[in-house]
Every structure is written in C-alpha cells, then in structure tokens.
C-alpha cells in the first residue's frame, strides 16, 4: 500500500502492509467473538475487524503500540473505510520502519540538520558557542532531529522538534532587527536549546507518548538540567551568563500556569516566549486547516486546546503553507 493510499483506499482492494495498533477491543456478536482495531500508519488511521475463530486467544497476545503485518480486504462500513482482516501477525524488528508508521514532516531530515548546524555556527560568543557544541553532539543531533515537537498539538510528527526549533530561531533572528538592545547570540542560544528536554519527555514507539520523566518532570526542567550539566563542564563559564541561558529555557512558556516556573525577565526571554507561542499555535492551527479542509466545511470542529473553532472557508484544498 502506497504512503497516501490509506486516504484513497477503495472497497474490494487487497491490503498487505504494516500497521500500528492504536486501539484493540474484543467484542461479541451473537455469541461470536471478534476483534476491532484502530490501526495507524504514517498517513493516517483506519478501522480493522478480525472475525477469526482464534480472536479471543489473539486478544491476549496483542496490545496498543504493537506493530502488526496484516492481510485483508478493504470494506465500507457506515460510510467509513475499514479493513476486513484475514490474517495478522507481529511484525519482526527487521520489518519495522518508524518513518512508515508515524507521521513525518515535509522536509528532508538531512537538510534540517544542515540548517541546525548553520544556526549553531552563527553564534560568535565563545562560551555560548562552546555550550551549543557541547549539547548538540552528533549523537544527540541524531536523536533530536527525528523527534516530534509534541505528542498531539503542534509538530506531532517525525522531525517536528527540529522544524519547530528552526522556525523559532528564524523568528528570533528577525525580531533582533527591531530591538537593538537584544543580545542576538544569547537569544539564538536560547532558541536552539529551549525544547531540548523533549527528547526525554517524549518516547517514540508505535505512536508518540510521554515517558515517565516526561510526565513527572517535564521538558522544561529536563532541558534545564541537561544545559546546566553542560555548562559545568565548560571552564570559566560566566555565572550570570549561565543564569540567563537557564532563564531562557525555564521561562519560555511565559507563565506558571503554562509550565514555566518563572516568567520572562529579559528582552531575550520575552522574544523567545512569544516566538515559541507564535510558531506552536500557528503550526497547530495550520495542521487543523490541512486536516479538516477536505471535508468542505466552513469551520473546524471545536478545538479544545484553543477554546474556539477555526475558520476554514478562506483556504483552498491542497494549498501549501510556506514556512521557509
């Protein structure tokens, strides 16, 4: 099945592919047990039904987040596409490719990494440059560049974290032209470091979820800890500069009720907070527009995180958003 086939699948088509189990439930119809799945891949979700005699036994062998290889046929049920599953098994490690199973960004990962390194190279202050190089090692960048920016809201796709970071950095770069007292190297350092705790906050499996540390500590504190440890290893790192870098990280959500233990108290922290909010909320709304526009409605469903509906009618289906 091609990457975009899940959206255009037709009744009667044969399907043999890998899917992530997002939900599995055993049901009973006139004394016969059957399994109902919500299945996911990189291009969307689809319902699956299995009527095999061994349904009850298999229900104890599989769970959410498992990756399965299935064979079946597409059907139509109450206007929704489904897969009538004939056989399925657990996928082998060699078969699993998370880029085929999880949502992915639009830009090649290699290009994003190149842009990240260019941003790091643009910092001239010797201490801040040393800090960025200490944090963004090749091994860390390998992980950072594949992670999502969030579980559900904005950037909830592979490479979402590095994309969000680069957009925030660009917004901050532009903002420096308007505020002459802004210390560009400090702001750029904060922009690149502000969300690094997300590589510990989020875990990648069959779908994105929070780690234990993510739920108990959160990415702001996790990121500050990582940066503080890196600073300790840099000889003679100025004490006040260290405090300002950490302030950028811990204040970037703006208010305590949004997760920041302190509010922005410097020009750079104020810019970073608003740049982060601008990109996070706008990218989230952009995702809603792209997801719901094909339905042809005037407004989206109610967006709980924003407390409002999003107007759709002013955008044409298929029109891309430019963020470069």
C-alpha atoms as a PDB file:
ATOM      1  CA  UNK A   1       0.000   0.000   0.000  1.00  0.00           C
ATOM      2  CA  UNK A   2       1.463   3.356  -1.014  1.00  0.00           C
ATOM      3  CA  UNK A   3       2.059   6.103   1.532  1.00  0.00           C
ATOM      4  CA  UNK A   4      -1.067   8.058   0.614  1.00  0.00           C
ATOM      5  CA  UNK A   5      -3.263   5.038  -0.121  1.00  0.00           C
ATOM      6  CA  UNK A   6      -4.945   4.997   3.268  1.00  0.00           C
ATOM      7  CA  UNK A   7      -6.836   8.164   2.305  1.00  0.00           C
ATOM      8  CA  UNK A   8      -7.940   6.825  -1.085  1.00  0.00           C
ATOM      9  CA  UNK A   9      -8.477   3.146  -0.399  1.00  0.00           C
ATOM     10  CA  UNK A  10     -11.421   1.611  -2.262  1.00  0.00           C
ATOM     11  CA  UNK A  11     -13.738  -1.204  -1.186  1.00  0.00           C
ATOM     12  CA  UNK A  12     -12.536  -4.536  -2.501  1.00  0.00           C
ATOM     13  CA  UNK A  13      -8.867  -3.628  -2.627  1.00  0.00           C
ATOM     14  CA  UNK A  14      -6.439  -6.131  -1.163  1.00  0.00           C
ATOM     15  CA  UNK A  15      -4.156  -4.853   1.586  1.00  0.00           C
ATOM     16  CA  UNK A  16      -0.927  -6.368   2.862  1.00  0.00           C
ATOM     17  CA  UNK A  17       1.028  -3.945   4.998  1.00  0.00           C
ATOM     18  CA  UNK A  18       2.356  -2.926   8.412  1.00  0.00           C
ATOM     19  CA  UNK A  19       0.218  -1.002  10.883  1.00  0.00           C
ATOM     20  CA  UNK A  20       0.482   0.160  14.479  1.00  0.00           C
ATOM     21  CA  UNK A  21      -2.267  -0.955  16.831  1.00  0.00           C
ATOM     22  CA  UNK A  22      -3.622   2.255  18.328  1.00  0.00           C
ATOM     23  CA  UNK A  23      -6.539   0.517  19.973  1.00  0.00           C
ATOM     24  CA  UNK A  24      -7.723  -3.096  20.202  1.00  0.00           C
ATOM     25  CA  UNK A  25     -11.032  -4.298  21.605  1.00  0.00           C
ATOM     26  CA  UNK A  26     -12.712  -7.702  21.738  1.00  0.00           C
ATOM     27  CA  UNK A  27     -16.441  -7.703  21.070  1.00  0.00           C
ATOM     28  CA  UNK A  28     -19.227 -10.256  20.879  1.00  0.00           C
ATOM     29  CA  UNK A  29     -21.868 -10.645  18.173  1.00  0.00           C
ATOM     30  CA  UNK A  30     -24.470 -13.357  18.739  1.00  0.00           C
ATOM     31  CA  UNK A  31     -22.007 -15.383  20.770  1.00  0.00           C
ATOM     32  CA  UNK A  32     -19.133 -14.992  18.315  1.00  0.00           C
ATOM     33  CA  UNK A  33     -16.002 -13.168  19.449  1.00  0.00           C
ATOM     34  CA  UNK A  34     -14.306 -10.729  17.110  1.00  0.00           C
ATOM     35  CA  UNK A  35     -11.623  -8.029  17.319  1.00  0.00           C
ATOM     36  CA  UNK A  36     -11.961  -4.372  16.402  1.00  0.00           C
ATOM     37  CA  UNK A  37      -8.781  -2.382  15.804  1.00  0.00           C
ATOM     38  CA  UNK A  38      -7.910   1.222  15.276  1.00  0.00           C
ATOM     39  CA  UNK A  39      -4.837   0.968  13.066  1.00  0.00           C
ATOM     40  CA  UNK A  40      -2.344   3.666  12.196  1.00  0.00           C
ATOM     41  CA  UNK A  41       0.486   4.360   9.784  1.00  0.00           C
ATOM     42  CA  UNK A  42       2.376   7.447   8.648  1.00  0.00           C
ATOM     43  CA  UNK A  43      -0.546   8.723   6.555  1.00  0.00           C
ATOM     44  CA  UNK A  44      -3.495   8.222   8.833  1.00  0.00           C
ATOM     45  CA  UNK A  45      -5.745   5.824  10.724  1.00  0.00           C
ATOM     46  CA  UNK A  46      -8.233   3.169   9.675  1.00  0.00           C
ATOM     47  CA  UNK A  47     -10.549   0.710  11.404  1.00  0.00           C
ATOM     48  CA  UNK A  48      -9.853  -3.017  11.146  1.00  0.00           C
ATOM     49  CA  UNK A  49     -12.035  -6.017  12.038  1.00  0.00           C
ATOM     50  CA  UNK A  50     -10.944  -9.622  12.568  1.00  0.00           C
ATOM     51  CA  UNK A  51     -13.527 -12.435  12.710  1.00  0.00           C
ATOM     52  CA  UNK A  52     -11.186 -15.424  13.043  1.00  0.00           C
ATOM     53  CA  UNK A  53     -12.016 -18.328  15.348  1.00  0.00           C
ATOM     54  CA  UNK A  54      -8.905 -17.517  17.389  1.00  0.00           C
ATOM     55  CA  UNK A  55      -9.966 -13.902  18.046  1.00  0.00           C
ATOM     56  CA  UNK A  56     -10.261 -14.380  21.805  1.00  0.00           C
ATOM     57  CA  UNK A  57      -6.832 -16.018  22.082  1.00  0.00           C
ATOM     58  CA  UNK A  58      -5.206 -13.321  19.960  1.00  0.00           C
ATOM     59  CA  UNK A  59      -6.788 -10.567  22.044  1.00  0.00           C
ATOM     60  CA  UNK A  60      -4.480 -11.583  24.912  1.00  0.00           C
ATOM     61  CA  UNK A  61      -1.365 -11.609  22.718  1.00  0.00           C
ATOM     62  CA  UNK A  62      -1.565  -8.123  21.228  1.00  0.00           C
ATOM     63  CA  UNK A  63      -1.868  -4.652  22.727  1.00  0.00           C
ATOM     64  CA  UNK A  64      -1.711  -0.956  21.888  1.00  0.00           C
ATOM     65  CA  UNK A  65       1.589   0.117  20.341  1.00  0.00           C
ATOM     66  CA  UNK A  66       2.286  -3.299  18.800  1.00  0.00           C
ATOM     67  CA  UNK A  67       3.229  -3.310  15.125  1.00  0.00           C
ATOM     68  CA  UNK A  68       1.482  -5.946  13.025  1.00  0.00           C
ATOM     69  CA  UNK A  69       1.702  -7.254   9.474  1.00  0.00           C
ATOM     70  CA  UNK A  70      -1.800  -7.924   8.166  1.00  0.00           C
ATOM     71  CA  UNK A  71      -3.509  -9.264   5.076  1.00  0.00           C
ATOM     72  CA  UNK A  72      -7.077  -8.311   4.301  1.00  0.00           C
ATOM     73  CA  UNK A  73      -9.531  -6.531   2.070  1.00  0.00           C
ATOM     74  CA  UNK A  74     -10.974  -3.022   2.219  1.00  0.00           C
ATOM     75  CA  UNK A  75     -14.674  -2.711   3.002  1.00  0.00           C
ATOM     76  CA  UNK A  76     -17.169   0.068   3.581  1.00  0.00           C
ATOM     77  CA  UNK A  77     -18.992   0.254   6.921  1.00  0.00           C
ATOM     78  CA  UNK A  78     -21.444   3.076   7.574  1.00  0.00           C
ATOM     79  CA  UNK A  79     -19.628   5.290   5.104  1.00  0.00           C
ATOM     80  CA  UNK A  80     -16.205   4.666   6.633  1.00  0.00           C
ATOM     81  CA  UNK A  81     -13.363   2.645   5.137  1.00  0.00           C
ATOM     82  CA  UNK A  82     -12.400  -0.485   7.052  1.00  0.00           C
ATOM     83  CA  UNK A  83     -10.098  -3.427   6.635  1.00  0.00           C
ATOM     84  CA  UNK A  84     -11.597  -6.888   6.964  1.00  0.00           C
ATOM     85  CA  UNK A  85      -8.531  -8.624   8.361  1.00  0.00           C
ATOM     86  CA  UNK A  86      -7.952 -12.185   7.185  1.00  0.00           C
ATOM     87  CA  UNK A  87      -4.626 -12.841   8.921  1.00  0.00           C
ATOM     88  CA  UNK A  88      -2.229 -10.822  11.048  1.00  0.00           C
ATOM     89  CA  UNK A  89       0.976 -11.389  12.981  1.00  0.00           C
ATOM     90  CA  UNK A  90       3.506  -9.443  14.987  1.00  0.00           C
ATOM     91  CA  UNK A  91       5.996  -7.613  12.773  1.00  0.00           C
ATOM     92  CA  UNK A  92       9.663  -8.532  13.059  1.00  0.00           C
ATOM     93  CA  UNK A  93      12.271  -5.950  14.037  1.00  0.00           C
ATOM     94  CA  UNK A  94      13.699  -6.065  10.513  1.00  0.00           C
ATOM     95  CA  UNK A  95      10.308  -5.174   9.032  1.00  0.00           C
ATOM     96  CA  UNK A  96       9.616  -2.176  11.263  1.00  0.00           C
ATOM     97  CA  UNK A  97      10.433   1.281   9.896  1.00  0.00           C
ATOM     98  CA  UNK A  98       9.065   4.069  12.094  1.00  0.00           C
ATOM     99  CA  UNK A  99       9.157   6.506   9.169  1.00  0.00           C
ATOM    100  CA  UNK A 100       6.439   4.380   7.535  1.00  0.00           C
ATOM    101  CA  UNK A 101       4.398   4.042  10.713  1.00  0.00           C
ATOM    102  CA  UNK A 102       4.445   7.536  12.217  1.00  0.00           C
ATOM    103  CA  UNK A 103       3.539  10.938  10.752  1.00  0.00           C
ATOM    104  CA  UNK A 104       6.538  12.647   9.169  1.00  0.00           C
ATOM    105  CA  UNK A 105       7.447  16.214   8.265  1.00  0.00           C
ATOM    106  CA  UNK A 106       7.688  17.665   4.773  1.00  0.00           C
ATOM    107  CA  UNK A 107      11.394  18.442   4.727  1.00  0.00           C
ATOM    108  CA  UNK A 108      14.339  16.037   4.382  1.00  0.00           C
ATOM    109  CA  UNK A 109      15.923  15.358   7.741  1.00  0.00           C
ATOM    110  CA  UNK A 110      19.419  15.927   6.327  1.00  0.00           C
ATOM    111  CA  UNK A 111      18.527  19.459   5.216  1.00  0.00           C
ATOM    112  CA  UNK A 112      17.093  20.264   8.632  1.00  0.00           C
ATOM    113  CA  UNK A 113      20.277  19.063  10.327  1.00  0.00           C
ATOM    114  CA  UNK A 114      22.364  21.228   7.994  1.00  0.00           C
ATOM    115  CA  UNK A 115      20.236  24.240   8.919  1.00  0.00           C
ATOM    116  CA  UNK A 116      20.629  23.441  12.611  1.00  0.00           C
ATOM    117  CA  UNK A 117      24.422  23.342  12.351  1.00  0.00           C
ATOM    118  CA  UNK A 118      24.422  26.633  10.418  1.00  0.00           C
ATOM    119  CA  UNK A 119      22.469  28.255  13.244  1.00  0.00           C
ATOM    120  CA  UNK A 120      24.964  26.935  15.777  1.00  0.00           C
ATOM    121  CA  UNK A 121      27.868  28.230  13.673  1.00  0.00           C
ATOM    122  CA  UNK A 122      26.280  31.693  13.544  1.00  0.00           C
ATOM    123  CA  UNK A 123      26.800  32.182  17.302  1.00  0.00           C
ATOM    124  CA  UNK A 124      30.027  34.124  17.914  1.00  0.00           C
ATOM    125  CA  UNK A 125      30.257  34.321  21.721  1.00  0.00           C
ATOM    126  CA  UNK A 126      32.904  31.776  22.742  1.00  0.00           C
ATOM    127  CA  UNK A 127      31.060  30.494  25.815  1.00  0.00           C
ATOM    128  CA  UNK A 128      27.681  30.205  24.139  1.00  0.00           C
ATOM    129  CA  UNK A 129      29.263  28.546  21.099  1.00  0.00           C
ATOM    130  CA  UNK A 130      31.031  26.070  23.381  1.00  0.00           C
ATOM    131  CA  UNK A 131      27.749  25.337  25.150  1.00  0.00           C
ATOM    132  CA  UNK A 132      25.865  24.663  21.922  1.00  0.00           C
ATOM    133  CA  UNK A 133      28.621  22.399  20.652  1.00  0.00           C
ATOM    134  CA  UNK A 134      28.673  20.532  23.966  1.00  0.00           C
ATOM    135  CA  UNK A 135      24.918  19.913  23.842  1.00  0.00           C
ATOM    136  CA  UNK A 136      24.460  19.286  20.128  1.00  0.00           C
ATOM    137  CA  UNK A 137      26.879  16.417  19.720  1.00  0.00           C
ATOM    138  CA  UNK A 138      26.472  14.222  16.659  1.00  0.00           C
ATOM    139  CA  UNK A 139      24.781  11.525  18.737  1.00  0.00           C
ATOM    140  CA  UNK A 140      22.348  13.996  20.284  1.00  0.00           C
ATOM    141  CA  UNK A 141      21.540  15.623  16.932  1.00  0.00           C
ATOM    142  CA  UNK A 142      20.762  12.176  15.517  1.00  0.00           C
ATOM    143  CA  UNK A 143      18.043  11.828  18.148  1.00  0.00           C
ATOM    144  CA  UNK A 144      16.951  15.481  18.289  1.00  0.00           C
ATOM    145  CA  UNK A 145      16.395  15.637  14.532  1.00  0.00           C
ATOM    146  CA  UNK A 146      13.914  12.737  14.449  1.00  0.00           C
ATOM    147  CA  UNK A 147      11.772  13.643  17.471  1.00  0.00           C
ATOM    148  CA  UNK A 148       8.316  15.252  17.360  1.00  0.00           C
ATOM    149  CA  UNK A 149       7.735  18.653  18.944  1.00  0.00           C
ATOM    150  CA  UNK A 150       4.709  17.386  20.866  1.00  0.00           C
ATOM    151  CA  UNK A 151       2.507  14.358  21.391  1.00  0.00           C
ATOM    152  CA  UNK A 152      -0.648  15.761  19.791  1.00  0.00           C
ATOM    153  CA  UNK A 153      -0.793  19.524  19.252  1.00  0.00           C
ATOM    154  CA  UNK A 154       1.934  21.167  17.161  1.00  0.00           C
ATOM    155  CA  UNK A 155       4.755  19.399  15.354  1.00  0.00           C
ATOM    156  CA  UNK A 156       3.398  15.970  16.305  1.00  0.00           C
ATOM    157  CA  UNK A 157       5.362  14.209  13.587  1.00  0.00           C
ATOM    158  CA  UNK A 158       8.877  12.913  12.989  1.00  0.00           C
ATOM    159  CA  UNK A 159      11.346  15.843  12.618  1.00  0.00           C
ATOM    160  CA  UNK A 160       8.742  18.121  14.218  1.00  0.00           C
ATOM    161  CA  UNK A 161      11.103  19.164  17.026  1.00  0.00           C
ATOM    162  CA  UNK A 162      13.952  20.341  14.819  1.00  0.00           C
ATOM    163  CA  UNK A 163      11.489  22.058  12.446  1.00  0.00           C
ATOM    164  CA  UNK A 164       9.888  23.930  15.352  1.00  0.00           C
ATOM    165  CA  UNK A 165      13.309  24.853  16.749  1.00  0.00           C
ATOM    166  CA  UNK A 166      14.493  26.243  13.415  1.00  0.00           C
ATOM    167  CA  UNK A 167      11.320  28.273  12.899  1.00  0.00           C
ATOM    168  CA  UNK A 168      11.583  29.731  16.399  1.00  0.00           C
ATOM    169  CA  UNK A 169      15.238  30.559  15.724  1.00  0.00           C
ATOM    170  CA  UNK A 170      14.304  32.333  12.490  1.00  0.00           C
ATOM    171  CA  UNK A 171      11.546  34.335  14.184  1.00  0.00           C
ATOM    172  CA  UNK A 172      14.021  35.349  16.899  1.00  0.00           C
ATOM    173  CA  UNK A 173      16.610  36.279  14.282  1.00  0.00           C
ATOM    174  CA  UNK A 174      14.145  38.625  12.586  1.00  0.00           C
ATOM    175  CA  UNK A 175      12.991  40.080  15.911  1.00  0.00           C
ATOM    176  CA  UNK A 176      16.552  41.147  16.720  1.00  0.00           C
ATOM    177  CA  UNK A 177      16.380  43.672  13.883  1.00  0.00           C
ATOM    178  CA  UNK A 178      13.584  45.521  15.682  1.00  0.00           C
ATOM    179  CA  UNK A 179      15.057  45.578  19.196  1.00  0.00           C
ATOM    180  CA  UNK A 180      18.605  46.984  19.216  1.00  0.00           C
ATOM    181  CA  UNK A 181      19.325  46.043  22.842  1.00  0.00           C
ATOM    182  CA  UNK A 182      18.626  42.376  22.171  1.00  0.00           C
ATOM    183  CA  UNK A 183      21.739  40.219  22.512  1.00  0.00           C
ATOM    184  CA  UNK A 184      21.471  38.064  19.419  1.00  0.00           C
ATOM    185  CA  UNK A 185      23.911  35.331  20.432  1.00  0.00           C
ATOM    186  CA  UNK A 186      22.140  34.834  23.752  1.00  0.00           C
ATOM    187  CA  UNK A 187      18.708  34.784  22.120  1.00  0.00           C
ATOM    188  CA  UNK A 188      19.814  32.357  19.412  1.00  0.00           C
ATOM    189  CA  UNK A 189      21.297  30.061  22.045  1.00  0.00           C
ATOM    190  CA  UNK A 190      18.011  30.067  23.927  1.00  0.00           C
ATOM    191  CA  UNK A 191      16.036  29.441  20.744  1.00  0.00           C
ATOM    192  CA  UNK A 192      18.129  26.385  19.896  1.00  0.00           C
ATOM    193  CA  UNK A 193      18.086  24.994  23.442  1.00  0.00           C
ATOM    194  CA  UNK A 194      14.583  25.837  24.663  1.00  0.00           C
ATOM    195  CA  UNK A 195      12.956  22.495  23.826  1.00  0.00           C
ATOM    196  CA  UNK A 196      15.842  20.030  24.071  1.00  0.00           C
ATOM    197  CA  UNK A 197      14.175  18.397  27.074  1.00  0.00           C
ATOM    198  CA  UNK A 198      11.580  16.943  24.717  1.00  0.00           C
ATOM    199  CA  UNK A 199      13.939  14.157  23.685  1.00  0.00           C
ATOM    200  CA  UNK A 200      13.491  12.875  27.239  1.00  0.00           C
ATOM    201  CA  UNK A 201       9.876  13.982  27.704  1.00  0.00           C
ATOM    202  CA  UNK A 202       8.519  12.093  24.697  1.00  0.00           C
ATOM    203  CA  UNK A 203       9.016   8.453  23.787  1.00  0.00           C
ATOM    204  CA  UNK A 204       8.674   7.049  20.298  1.00  0.00           C
ATOM    205  CA  UNK A 205       7.054   3.668  19.820  1.00  0.00           C
ATOM    206  CA  UNK A 206       4.128   2.744  17.633  1.00  0.00           C
ATOM    207  CA  UNK A 207       2.898   6.262  18.398  1.00  0.00           C
ATOM    208  CA  UNK A 208       4.096   9.267  20.396  1.00  0.00           C
ATOM    209  CA  UNK A 209       3.602   9.218  24.144  1.00  0.00           C
ATOM    210  CA  UNK A 210       5.090  10.727  27.291  1.00  0.00           C
ATOM    211  CA  UNK A 211       7.888   8.998  29.158  1.00  0.00           C
ATOM    212  CA  UNK A 212       7.833   8.593  32.932  1.00  0.00           C
ATOM    213  CA  UNK A 213      10.277  11.505  33.239  1.00  0.00           C
ATOM    214  CA  UNK A 214       8.154  13.483  30.803  1.00  0.00           C
ATOM    215  CA  UNK A 215       5.065  13.171  32.957  1.00  0.00           C
ATOM    216  CA  UNK A 216       6.791  13.594  36.321  1.00  0.00           C
ATOM    217  CA  UNK A 217       9.354  16.273  35.445  1.00  0.00           C
ATOM    218  CA  UNK A 218       8.512  17.812  32.055  1.00  0.00           C
ATOM    219  CA  UNK A 219      10.654  19.055  29.193  1.00  0.00           C
ATOM    220  CA  UNK A 220      11.387  22.479  30.681  1.00  0.00           C
ATOM    221  CA  UNK A 221      13.115  21.082  33.767  1.00  0.00           C
ATOM    222  CA  UNK A 222      14.684  18.194  31.849  1.00  0.00           C
ATOM    223  CA  UNK A 223      16.157  20.641  29.353  1.00  0.00           C
ATOM    224  CA  UNK A 224      17.446  22.969  32.063  1.00  0.00           C
ATOM    225  CA  UNK A 225      19.159  20.051  33.801  1.00  0.00           C
ATOM    226  CA  UNK A 226      20.886  18.971  30.583  1.00  0.00           C
ATOM    227  CA  UNK A 227      22.102  22.511  29.884  1.00  0.00           C
ATOM    228  CA  UNK A 228      23.247  23.086  33.480  1.00  0.00           C
ATOM    229  CA  UNK A 229      25.345  19.923  33.322  1.00  0.00           C
ATOM    230  CA  UNK A 230      26.915  21.030  30.044  1.00  0.00           C
ATOM    231  CA  UNK A 231      27.735  24.460  31.494  1.00  0.00           C
ATOM    232  CA  UNK A 232      29.511  22.855  34.451  1.00  0.00           C
ATOM    233  CA  UNK A 233      31.949  21.202  32.040  1.00  0.00           C
ATOM    234  CA  UNK A 234      32.952  24.475  30.329  1.00  0.00           C
ATOM    235  CA  UNK A 235      35.850  26.185  32.151  1.00  0.00           C
ATOM    236  CA  UNK A 236      35.213  29.715  33.442  1.00  0.00           C
ATOM    237  CA  UNK A 237      31.680  29.923  32.036  1.00  0.00           C
ATOM    238  CA  UNK A 238      30.380  33.286  33.364  1.00  0.00           C
ATOM    239  CA  UNK A 239      27.958  32.782  36.242  1.00  0.00           C
ATOM    240  CA  UNK A 240      25.475  35.459  35.185  1.00  0.00           C
ATOM    241  CA  UNK A 241      25.517  34.263  31.583  1.00  0.00           C
ATOM    242  CA  UNK A 242      24.731  30.754  32.787  1.00  0.00           C
ATOM    243  CA  UNK A 243      21.780  32.104  34.757  1.00  0.00           C
ATOM    244  CA  UNK A 244      20.475  33.985  31.713  1.00  0.00           C
ATOM    245  CA  UNK A 245      20.707  30.917  29.475  1.00  0.00           C
ATOM    246  CA  UNK A 246      18.825  28.820  32.017  1.00  0.00           C
ATOM    247  CA  UNK A 247      16.293  31.626  32.424  1.00  0.00           C
ATOM    248  CA  UNK A 248      15.530  31.457  28.701  1.00  0.00           C
ATOM    249  CA  UNK A 249      14.729  27.764  28.997  1.00  0.00           C
ATOM    250  CA  UNK A 250      12.666  27.829  32.175  1.00  0.00           C
ATOM    251  CA  UNK A 251      10.650  30.937  31.229  1.00  0.00           C
ATOM    252  CA  UNK A 252       9.828  30.159  27.598  1.00  0.00           C
ATOM    253  CA  UNK A 253       6.237  29.071  28.336  1.00  0.00           C
ATOM    254  CA  UNK A 254       5.646  32.538  29.729  1.00  0.00           C
ATOM    255  CA  UNK A 255       3.552  31.861  32.818  1.00  0.00           C
ATOM    256  CA  UNK A 256       3.491  29.431  35.708  1.00  0.00           C
ATOM    257  CA  UNK A 257       0.098  28.016  34.765  1.00  0.00           C
ATOM    258  CA  UNK A 258       1.575  27.071  31.376  1.00  0.00           C
ATOM    259  CA  UNK A 259       4.507  25.213  32.925  1.00  0.00           C
ATOM    260  CA  UNK A 260       7.209  27.851  33.370  1.00  0.00           C
ATOM    261  CA  UNK A 261       8.468  28.188  36.962  1.00  0.00           C
ATOM    262  CA  UNK A 262       9.374  31.836  36.288  1.00  0.00           C
ATOM    263  CA  UNK A 263       8.102  34.476  33.866  1.00  0.00           C
ATOM    264  CA  UNK A 264      10.351  36.157  31.256  1.00  0.00           C
ATOM    265  CA  UNK A 265      12.516  38.853  32.833  1.00  0.00           C
ATOM    266  CA  UNK A 266      14.856  39.815  29.982  1.00  0.00           C
ATOM    267  CA  UNK A 267      14.389  41.138  26.459  1.00  0.00           C
ATOM    268  CA  UNK A 268      15.662  37.857  25.054  1.00  0.00           C
ATOM    269  CA  UNK A 269      13.338  35.770  27.226  1.00  0.00           C
ATOM    270  CA  UNK A 270      10.346  37.878  26.199  1.00  0.00           C
ATOM    271  CA  UNK A 271      11.130  37.455  22.498  1.00  0.00           C
ATOM    272  CA  UNK A 272      11.741  33.721  22.860  1.00  0.00           C
ATOM    273  CA  UNK A 273       8.473  33.174  24.707  1.00  0.00           C
ATOM    274  CA  UNK A 274       6.415  34.920  22.050  1.00  0.00           C
ATOM    275  CA  UNK A 275       8.343  33.283  19.193  1.00  0.00           C
ATOM    276  CA  UNK A 276       7.645  29.873  20.714  1.00  0.00           C
ATOM    277  CA  UNK A 277       3.960  30.663  21.185  1.00  0.00           C
ATOM    278  CA  UNK A 278       3.658  32.117  17.679  1.00  0.00           C
ATOM    279  CA  UNK A 279       5.079  29.063  15.981  1.00  0.00           C
ATOM    280  CA  UNK A 280       3.468  26.483  18.254  1.00  0.00           C
ATOM    281  CA  UNK A 281      -0.059  27.850  17.972  1.00  0.00           C
ATOM    282  CA  UNK A 282       0.146  28.778  14.295  1.00  0.00           C
ATOM    283  CA  UNK A 283       1.566  25.399  13.301  1.00  0.00           C
ATOM    284  CA  UNK A 284      -1.163  23.729  15.331  1.00  0.00           C
ATOM    285  CA  UNK A 285      -3.878  25.726  13.559  1.00  0.00           C
ATOM    286  CA  UNK A 286      -2.215  25.039  10.214  1.00  0.00           C
ATOM    287  CA  UNK A 287      -2.459  21.309  10.933  1.00  0.00           C
ATOM    288  CA  UNK A 288      -6.172  21.651  11.699  1.00  0.00           C
ATOM    289  CA  UNK A 289      -6.782  23.540   8.450  1.00  0.00           C
ATOM    290  CA  UNK A 290      -4.930  20.946   6.371  1.00  0.00           C
ATOM    291  CA  UNK A 291      -6.629  18.035   8.136  1.00  0.00           C
ATOM    292  CA  UNK A 292     -10.219  19.305   8.050  1.00  0.00           C
ATOM    293  CA  UNK A 293     -10.335  21.383   4.862  1.00  0.00           C
ATOM    294  CA  UNK A 294     -11.131  18.406   2.569  1.00  0.00           C
ATOM    295  CA  UNK A 295     -14.431  17.927   4.431  1.00  0.00           C
ATOM    296  CA  UNK A 296     -15.682  21.135   2.782  1.00  0.00           C
ATOM    297  CA  UNK A 297     -16.962  22.745   5.977  1.00  0.00           C
ATOM    298  CA  UNK A 298     -16.884  26.431   6.857  1.00  0.00           C
ATOM    299  CA  UNK A 299     -15.445  25.905  10.360  1.00  0.00           C
ATOM    300  CA  UNK A 300     -13.449  23.160  12.050  1.00  0.00           C
ATOM    301  CA  UNK A 301     -14.622  21.072  14.957  1.00  0.00           C
ATOM    302  CA  UNK A 302     -14.238  22.810  18.323  1.00  0.00           C
ATOM    303  CA  UNK A 303     -10.528  22.979  19.201  1.00  0.00           C
ATOM    304  CA  UNK A 304     -10.420  22.339  22.930  1.00  0.00           C
ATOM    305  CA  UNK A 305      -6.824  23.459  23.492  1.00  0.00           C
ATOM    306  CA  UNK A 306      -7.644  26.871  21.961  1.00  0.00           C
ATOM    307  CA  UNK A 307     -11.245  27.100  23.137  1.00  0.00           C
ATOM    308  CA  UNK A 308     -12.538  28.077  19.697  1.00  0.00           C
ATOM    309  CA  UNK A 309     -13.468  26.986  16.182  1.00  0.00           C
ATOM    310  CA  UNK A 310     -11.076  27.598  13.272  1.00  0.00           C
ATOM    311  CA  UNK A 311     -12.342  29.230  10.078  1.00  0.00           C
ATOM    312  CA  UNK A 312     -11.651  27.015   7.053  1.00  0.00           C
ATOM    313  CA  UNK A 313     -13.534  28.535   4.148  1.00  0.00           C
ATOM    314  CA  UNK A 314     -10.819  31.033   3.258  1.00  0.00           C
ATOM    315  CA  UNK A 315      -8.269  28.337   2.367  1.00  0.00           C
ATOM    316  CA  UNK A 316      -8.199  26.242  -0.773  1.00  0.00           C
ATOM    317  CA  UNK A 317      -7.702  22.493  -0.511  1.00  0.00           C
ATOM    318  CA  UNK A 318      -4.193  21.406  -1.341  1.00  0.00           C
ATOM    319  CA  UNK A 319      -2.651  24.857  -0.972  1.00  0.00           C
ATOM    320  CA  UNK A 320       0.628  24.586   0.892  1.00  0.00           C
ATOM    321  CA  UNK A 321       1.860  26.778   3.722  1.00  0.00           C
ATOM    322  CA  UNK A 322       5.309  28.253   3.335  1.00  0.00           C
ATOM    323  CA  UNK A 323       7.458  28.380   6.462  1.00  0.00           C
ATOM    324  CA  UNK A 324      10.884  28.727   4.900  1.00  0.00           C
END
